[in-house]
Amino acid sequence: MRTVRRISLTSLLVQTLLLLAIAACAIVGVAGLLLPLIPGLLFLAVAAVLLRQFQRRQIRM
């Protein structure tokens, strides 16, 4: 028997926004490693924390 998982629209929206935030922080972080004005490691750390939250959400689903 197949089980059907329904993902609510709110959950999908949160996941999409989380992925966009991860991508933005990663891009700014890499740019920060190349440019001296932007704290690159800070943004990469934020991206890592957000990615961990995203992975936890995926495991729970």
PDB file of N, CA and C in Angstrom:
ATOM      1  N   MET A   1       0.837  -1.172   0.000  1.00  0.00           N
ATOM      2  CA  MET A   1       0.000   0.000   0.000  1.00  0.00           C
ATOM      3  C   MET A   1       0.889   1.244   0.000  1.00  0.00           C
ATOM      4  N   ARG A   2       0.550   2.171  -0.837  1.00  0.00           N
ATOM      5  CA  ARG A   2       1.311   3.414  -0.922  1.00  0.00           C
ATOM      6  C   ARG A   2       0.759   4.424   0.054  1.00  0.00           C
ATOM      7  N   THR A   3       1.659   5.102   0.706  1.00  0.00           N
ATOM      8  CA  THR A   3       1.229   6.191   1.568  1.00  0.00           C
ATOM      9  C   THR A   3       1.475   7.498   0.845  1.00  0.00           C
ATOM     10  N   VAL A   4       0.535   8.366   0.943  1.00  0.00           N
ATOM     11  CA  VAL A   4       0.636   9.656   0.280  1.00  0.00           C
ATOM     12  C   VAL A   4       0.994  10.702   1.323  1.00  0.00           C
ATOM     13  N   ARG A   5       2.117  11.377   1.072  1.00  0.00           N
ATOM     14  CA  ARG A   5       2.515  12.448   1.977  1.00  0.00           C
ATOM     15  C   ARG A   5       2.042  13.761   1.393  1.00  0.00           C
ATOM     16  N   ARG A   6       1.322  14.489   2.192  1.00  0.00           N
ATOM     17  CA  ARG A   6       0.874  15.802   1.753  1.00  0.00           C
ATOM     18  C   ARG A   6       1.724  16.860   2.422  1.00  0.00           C
ATOM     19  N   ILE A   7       2.239  17.742   1.622  1.00  0.00           N
ATOM     20  CA  ILE A   7       3.039  18.842   2.138  1.00  0.00           C
ATOM     21  C   ILE A   7       2.169  20.088   2.070  1.00  0.00           C
ATOM     22  N   SER A   8       2.007  20.721   3.198  1.00  0.00           N
ATOM     23  CA  SER A   8       1.169  21.914   3.219  1.00  0.00           C
ATOM     24  C   SER A   8       1.846  23.049   2.474  1.00  0.00           C
ATOM     25  N   LEU A   9       1.043  23.988   2.041  1.00  0.00           N
ATOM     26  CA  LEU A   9       1.553  25.128   1.295  1.00  0.00           C
ATOM     27  C   LEU A   9       2.478  25.965   2.174  1.00  0.00           C
ATOM     28  N   THR A  10       2.170  26.086   3.445  1.00  0.00           N
ATOM     29  CA  THR A  10       3.012  26.842   4.363  1.00  0.00           C
ATOM     30  C   THR A  10       4.376  26.183   4.507  1.00  0.00           C
ATOM     31  N   SER A  11       4.394  24.866   4.645  1.00  0.00           N
ATOM     32  CA  SER A  11       5.645  24.142   4.772  1.00  0.00           C
ATOM     33  C   SER A  11       6.489  24.293   3.510  1.00  0.00           C
ATOM     34  N   LEU A  12       5.855  24.227   2.370  1.00  0.00           N
ATOM     35  CA  LEU A  12       6.567  24.385   1.106  1.00  0.00           C
ATOM     36  C   LEU A  12       7.138  25.795   0.977  1.00  0.00           C
ATOM     37  N   LEU A  13       6.371  26.793   1.408  1.00  0.00           N
ATOM     38  CA  LEU A  13       6.829  28.178   1.363  1.00  0.00           C
ATOM     39  C   LEU A  13       8.025  28.385   2.293  1.00  0.00           C
ATOM     40  N   VAL A  14       7.960  27.814   3.489  1.00  0.00           N
ATOM     41  CA  VAL A  14       9.064  27.931   4.448  1.00  0.00           C
ATOM     42  C   VAL A  14      10.312  27.270   3.894  1.00  0.00           C
ATOM     43  N   GLN A  15      10.177  26.107   3.302  1.00  0.00           N
ATOM     44  CA  GLN A  15      11.328  25.407   2.735  1.00  0.00           C
ATOM     45  C   GLN A  15      11.947  26.203   1.590  1.00  0.00           C
ATOM     46  N   THR A  16      11.116  26.782   0.750  1.00  0.00           N
ATOM     47  CA  THR A  16      11.608  27.584  -0.371  1.00  0.00           C
ATOM     48  C   THR A  16      12.349  28.817   0.126  1.00  0.00           C
ATOM     49  N   LEU A  17      11.775  29.508   1.106  1.00  0.00           N
ATOM     50  CA  LEU A  17      12.428  30.693   1.659  1.00  0.00           C
ATOM     51  C   LEU A  17      13.734  30.328   2.359  1.00  0.00           C
ATOM     52  N   LEU A  18      13.749  29.190   3.023  1.00  0.00           N
ATOM     53  CA  LEU A  18      14.961  28.735   3.693  1.00  0.00           C
ATOM     54  C   LEU A  18      16.061  28.436   2.676  1.00  0.00           C
ATOM     55  N   LEU A  19      15.709  27.791   1.585  1.00  0.00           N
ATOM     56  CA  LEU A  19      16.698  27.510   0.537  1.00  0.00           C
ATOM     57  C   LEU A  19      17.218  28.797  -0.114  1.00  0.00           C
ATOM     58  N   LEU A  20      16.341  29.770  -0.310  1.00  0.00           N
ATOM     59  CA  LEU A  20      16.775  31.050  -0.873  1.00  0.00           C
ATOM     60  C   LEU A  20      17.716  31.781   0.082  1.00  0.00           C
ATOM     61  N   ALA A  21      17.425  31.726   1.370  1.00  0.00           N
ATOM     62  CA  ALA A  21      18.293  32.363   2.361  1.00  0.00           C
ATOM     63  C   ALA A  21      19.657  31.674   2.404  1.00  0.00           C
ATOM     64  N   ILE A  22      19.653  30.349   2.315  1.00  0.00           N
ATOM     65  CA  ILE A  22      20.912  29.597   2.300  1.00  0.00           C
ATOM     66  C   ILE A  22      21.748  29.995   1.085  1.00  0.00           C
ATOM     67  N   ALA A  23      21.107  30.045  -0.072  1.00  0.00           N
ATOM     68  CA  ALA A  23      21.825  30.402  -1.301  1.00  0.00           C
ATOM     69  C   ALA A  23      22.373  31.830  -1.224  1.00  0.00           C
ATOM     70  N   ALA A  24      21.565  32.756  -0.719  1.00  0.00           N
ATOM     71  CA  ALA A  24      22.006  34.152  -0.621  1.00  0.00           C
ATOM     72  C   ALA A  24      23.191  34.278   0.338  1.00  0.00           C
ATOM     73  N   CYS A  25      23.109  33.624   1.487  1.00  0.00           N
ATOM     74  CA  CYS A  25      24.214  33.691   2.452  1.00  0.00           C
ATOM     75  C   CYS A  25      25.472  33.039   1.899  1.00  0.00           C
ATOM     76  N   ALA A  26      25.317  31.946   1.186  1.00  0.00           N
ATOM     77  CA  ALA A  26      26.480  31.276   0.606  1.00  0.00           C
ATOM     78  C   ALA A  26      27.143  32.153  -0.455  1.00  0.00           C
ATOM     79  N   ILE A  27      26.350  32.800  -1.284  1.00  0.00           N
ATOM     80  CA  ILE A  27      26.895  33.670  -2.332  1.00  0.00           C
ATOM     81  C   ILE A  27      27.613  34.866  -1.717  1.00  0.00           C
ATOM     82  N   VAL A  28      26.970  35.504  -0.734  1.00  0.00           N
ATOM     83  CA  VAL A  28      27.595  36.653  -0.071  1.00  0.00           C
ATOM     84  C   VAL A  28      28.846  36.202   0.690  1.00  0.00           C
ATOM     85  N   GLY A  29      28.796  35.007   1.264  1.00  0.00           N
ATOM     86  CA  GLY A  29      29.956  34.492   1.981  1.00  0.00           C
ATOM     87  C   GLY A  29      31.149  34.257   1.070  1.00  0.00           C
ATOM     88  N   VAL A  30      30.900  33.667  -0.078  1.00  0.00           N
ATOM     89  CA  VAL A  30      31.993  33.445  -1.034  1.00  0.00           C
ATOM     90  C   VAL A  30      32.523  34.787  -1.542  1.00  0.00           C
ATOM     91  N   ALA A  31      31.621  35.725  -1.809  1.00  0.00           N
ATOM     92  CA  ALA A  31      32.064  37.059  -2.231  1.00  0.00           C
ATOM     93  C   ALA A  31      32.875  37.720  -1.118  1.00  0.00           C
ATOM     94  N   GLY A  32      32.484  37.475   0.128  1.00  0.00           N
ATOM     95  CA  GLY A  32      33.205  38.051   1.256  1.00  0.00           C
ATOM     96  C   GLY A  32      34.600  37.486   1.413  1.00  0.00           C
ATOM     97  N   LEU A  33      34.801  36.264   0.984  1.00  0.00           N
ATOM     98  CA  LEU A  33      36.157  35.709   1.022  1.00  0.00           C
ATOM     99  C   LEU A  33      37.062  36.390   0.003  1.00  0.00           C
ATOM    100  N   LEU A  34      36.464  36.900  -1.067  1.00  0.00           N
ATOM    101  CA  LEU A  34      37.242  37.553  -2.124  1.00  0.00           C
ATOM    102  C   LEU A  34      37.363  39.061  -1.911  1.00  0.00           C
ATOM    103  N   LEU A  35      36.350  39.663  -1.299  1.00  0.00           N
ATOM    104  CA  LEU A  35      36.341  41.110  -1.078  1.00  0.00           C
ATOM    105  C   LEU A  35      36.596  41.406   0.397  1.00  0.00           C
ATOM    106  N   PRO A  36      37.466  42.344   0.689  1.00  0.00           N
ATOM    107  CA  PRO A  36      37.807  42.603   2.090  1.00  0.00           C
ATOM    108  C   PRO A  36      36.725  43.340   2.896  1.00  0.00           C
ATOM    109  N   LEU A  37      35.723  43.892   2.253  1.00  0.00           N
ATOM    110  CA  LEU A  37      34.722  44.690   2.970  1.00  0.00           C
ATOM    111  C   LEU A  37      33.598  43.856   3.577  1.00  0.00           C
ATOM    112  N   ILE A  38      33.388  42.653   3.080  1.00  0.00           N
ATOM    113  CA  ILE A  38      32.271  41.821   3.530  1.00  0.00           C
ATOM    114  C   ILE A  38      32.821  40.693   4.408  1.00  0.00           C
ATOM    115  N   PRO A  39      32.232  40.481   5.586  1.00  0.00           N
ATOM    116  CA  PRO A  39      32.699  39.382   6.447  1.00  0.00           C
ATOM    117  C   PRO A  39      32.237  38.026   5.903  1.00  0.00           C
ATOM    118  N   GLY A  40      33.071  37.394   5.107  1.00  0.00           N
ATOM    119  CA  GLY A  40      32.697  36.167   4.413  1.00  0.00           C
ATOM    120  C   GLY A  40      32.418  34.989   5.320  1.00  0.00           C
ATOM    121  N   LEU A  41      33.248  34.797   6.337  1.00  0.00           N
ATOM    122  CA  LEU A  41      33.074  33.650   7.220  1.00  0.00           C
ATOM    123  C   LEU A  41      31.765  33.718   7.999  1.00  0.00           C
ATOM    124  N   LEU A  42      31.359  34.922   8.358  1.00  0.00           N
ATOM    125  CA  LEU A  42      30.090  35.089   9.073  1.00  0.00           C
ATOM    126  C   LEU A  42      28.921  34.603   8.223  1.00  0.00           C
ATOM    127  N   PHE A  43      28.878  35.010   6.968  1.00  0.00           N
ATOM    128  CA  PHE A  43      27.783  34.593   6.091  1.00  0.00           C
ATOM    129  C   PHE A  43      27.838  33.106   5.775  1.00  0.00           C
ATOM    130  N   LEU A  44      29.033  32.552   5.648  1.00  0.00           N
ATOM    131  CA  LEU A  44      29.144  31.117   5.425  1.00  0.00           C
ATOM    132  C   LEU A  44      28.682  30.338   6.654  1.00  0.00           C
ATOM    133  N   ALA A  45      28.959  30.861   7.834  1.00  0.00           N
ATOM    134  CA  ALA A  45      28.488  30.214   9.062  1.00  0.00           C
ATOM    135  C   ALA A  45      26.968  30.262   9.155  1.00  0.00           C
ATOM    136  N   VAL A  46      26.379  31.391   8.801  1.00  0.00           N
ATOM    137  CA  VAL A  46      24.916  31.508   8.804  1.00  0.00           C
ATOM    138  C   VAL A  46      24.306  30.543   7.795  1.00  0.00           C
ATOM    139  N   ALA A  47      24.913  30.436   6.628  1.00  0.00           N
ATOM    140  CA  ALA A  47      24.429  29.497   5.616  1.00  0.00           C
ATOM    141  C   ALA A  47      24.507  28.064   6.128  1.00  0.00           C
ATOM    142  N   ALA A  48      25.571  27.728   6.855  1.00  0.00           N
ATOM    143  CA  ALA A  48      25.720  26.375   7.399  1.00  0.00           C
ATOM    144  C   ALA A  48      24.644  26.079   8.448  1.00  0.00           C
ATOM    145  N   VAL A  49      24.350  27.053   9.298  1.00  0.00           N
ATOM    146  CA  VAL A  49      23.313  26.867  10.317  1.00  0.00           C
ATOM    147  C   VAL A  49      21.946  26.701   9.663  1.00  0.00           C
ATOM    148  N   LEU A  50      21.658  27.519   8.664  1.00  0.00           N
ATOM    149  CA  LEU A  50      20.376  27.408   7.969  1.00  0.00           C
ATOM    150  C   LEU A  50      20.268  26.079   7.228  1.00  0.00           C
ATOM    151  N   LEU A  51      21.361  25.624   6.647  1.00  0.00           N
ATOM    152  CA  LEU A  51      21.355  24.345   5.943  1.00  0.00           C
ATOM    153  C   LEU A  51      21.077  23.198   6.915  1.00  0.00           C
ATOM    154  N   ARG A  52      21.622  23.300   8.102  1.00  0.00           N
ATOM    155  CA  ARG A  52      21.362  22.274   9.118  1.00  0.00           C
ATOM    156  C   ARG A  52      19.883  22.246   9.495  1.00  0.00           C
ATOM    157  N   GLN A  53      19.280  23.430   9.637  1.00  0.00           N
ATOM    158  CA  GLN A  53      17.850  23.500   9.936  1.00  0.00           C
ATOM    159  C   GLN A  53      17.036  22.889   8.797  1.00  0.00           C
ATOM    160  N   PHE A  54      17.433  23.169   7.563  1.00  0.00           N
ATOM    161  CA  PHE A  54      16.721  22.632   6.413  1.00  0.00           C
ATOM    162  C   PHE A  54      16.809  21.111   6.385  1.00  0.00           C
ATOM    163  N   GLN A  55      17.992  20.585   6.679  1.00  0.00           N
ATOM    164  CA  GLN A  55      18.161  19.133   6.678  1.00  0.00           C
ATOM    165  C   GLN A  55      17.336  18.481   7.776  1.00  0.00           C
ATOM    166  N   ARG A  56      17.251  19.109   8.924  1.00  0.00           N
ATOM    167  CA  ARG A  56      16.418  18.570  10.005  1.00  0.00           C
ATOM    168  C   ARG A  56      14.947  18.517   9.586  1.00  0.00           C
ATOM    169  N   ARG A  57      14.505  19.547   8.882  1.00  0.00           N
ATOM    170  CA  ARG A  57      13.117  19.563   8.406  1.00  0.00           C
ATOM    171  C   ARG A  57      12.878  18.428   7.420  1.00  0.00           C
ATOM    172  N   GLN A  58      13.861  18.175   6.554  1.00  0.00           N
ATOM    173  CA  GLN A  58      13.713  17.117   5.552  1.00  0.00           C
ATOM    174  C   GLN A  58      13.680  15.740   6.206  1.00  0.00           C
ATOM    175  N   ILE A  59      14.474  15.549   7.253  1.00  0.00           N
ATOM    176  CA  ILE A  59      14.510  14.250   7.935  1.00  0.00           C
ATOM    177  C   ILE A  59      13.185  13.994   8.636  1.00  0.00           C
ATOM    178  N   ARG A  60      12.606  15.037   9.249  1.00  0.00           N
ATOM    179  CA  ARG A  60      11.338  14.886   9.959  1.00  0.00           C
ATOM    180  C   ARG A  60      10.178  14.562   9.033  1.00  0.00           C
ATOM    181  N   MET A  61      10.264  14.985   7.796  1.00  0.00           N
ATOM    182  CA  MET A  61       9.154  14.769   6.857  1.00  0.00           C
ATOM    183  C   MET A  61       9.171  13.381   6.367  1.00  0.00           C
TER     184      MET A  61
END
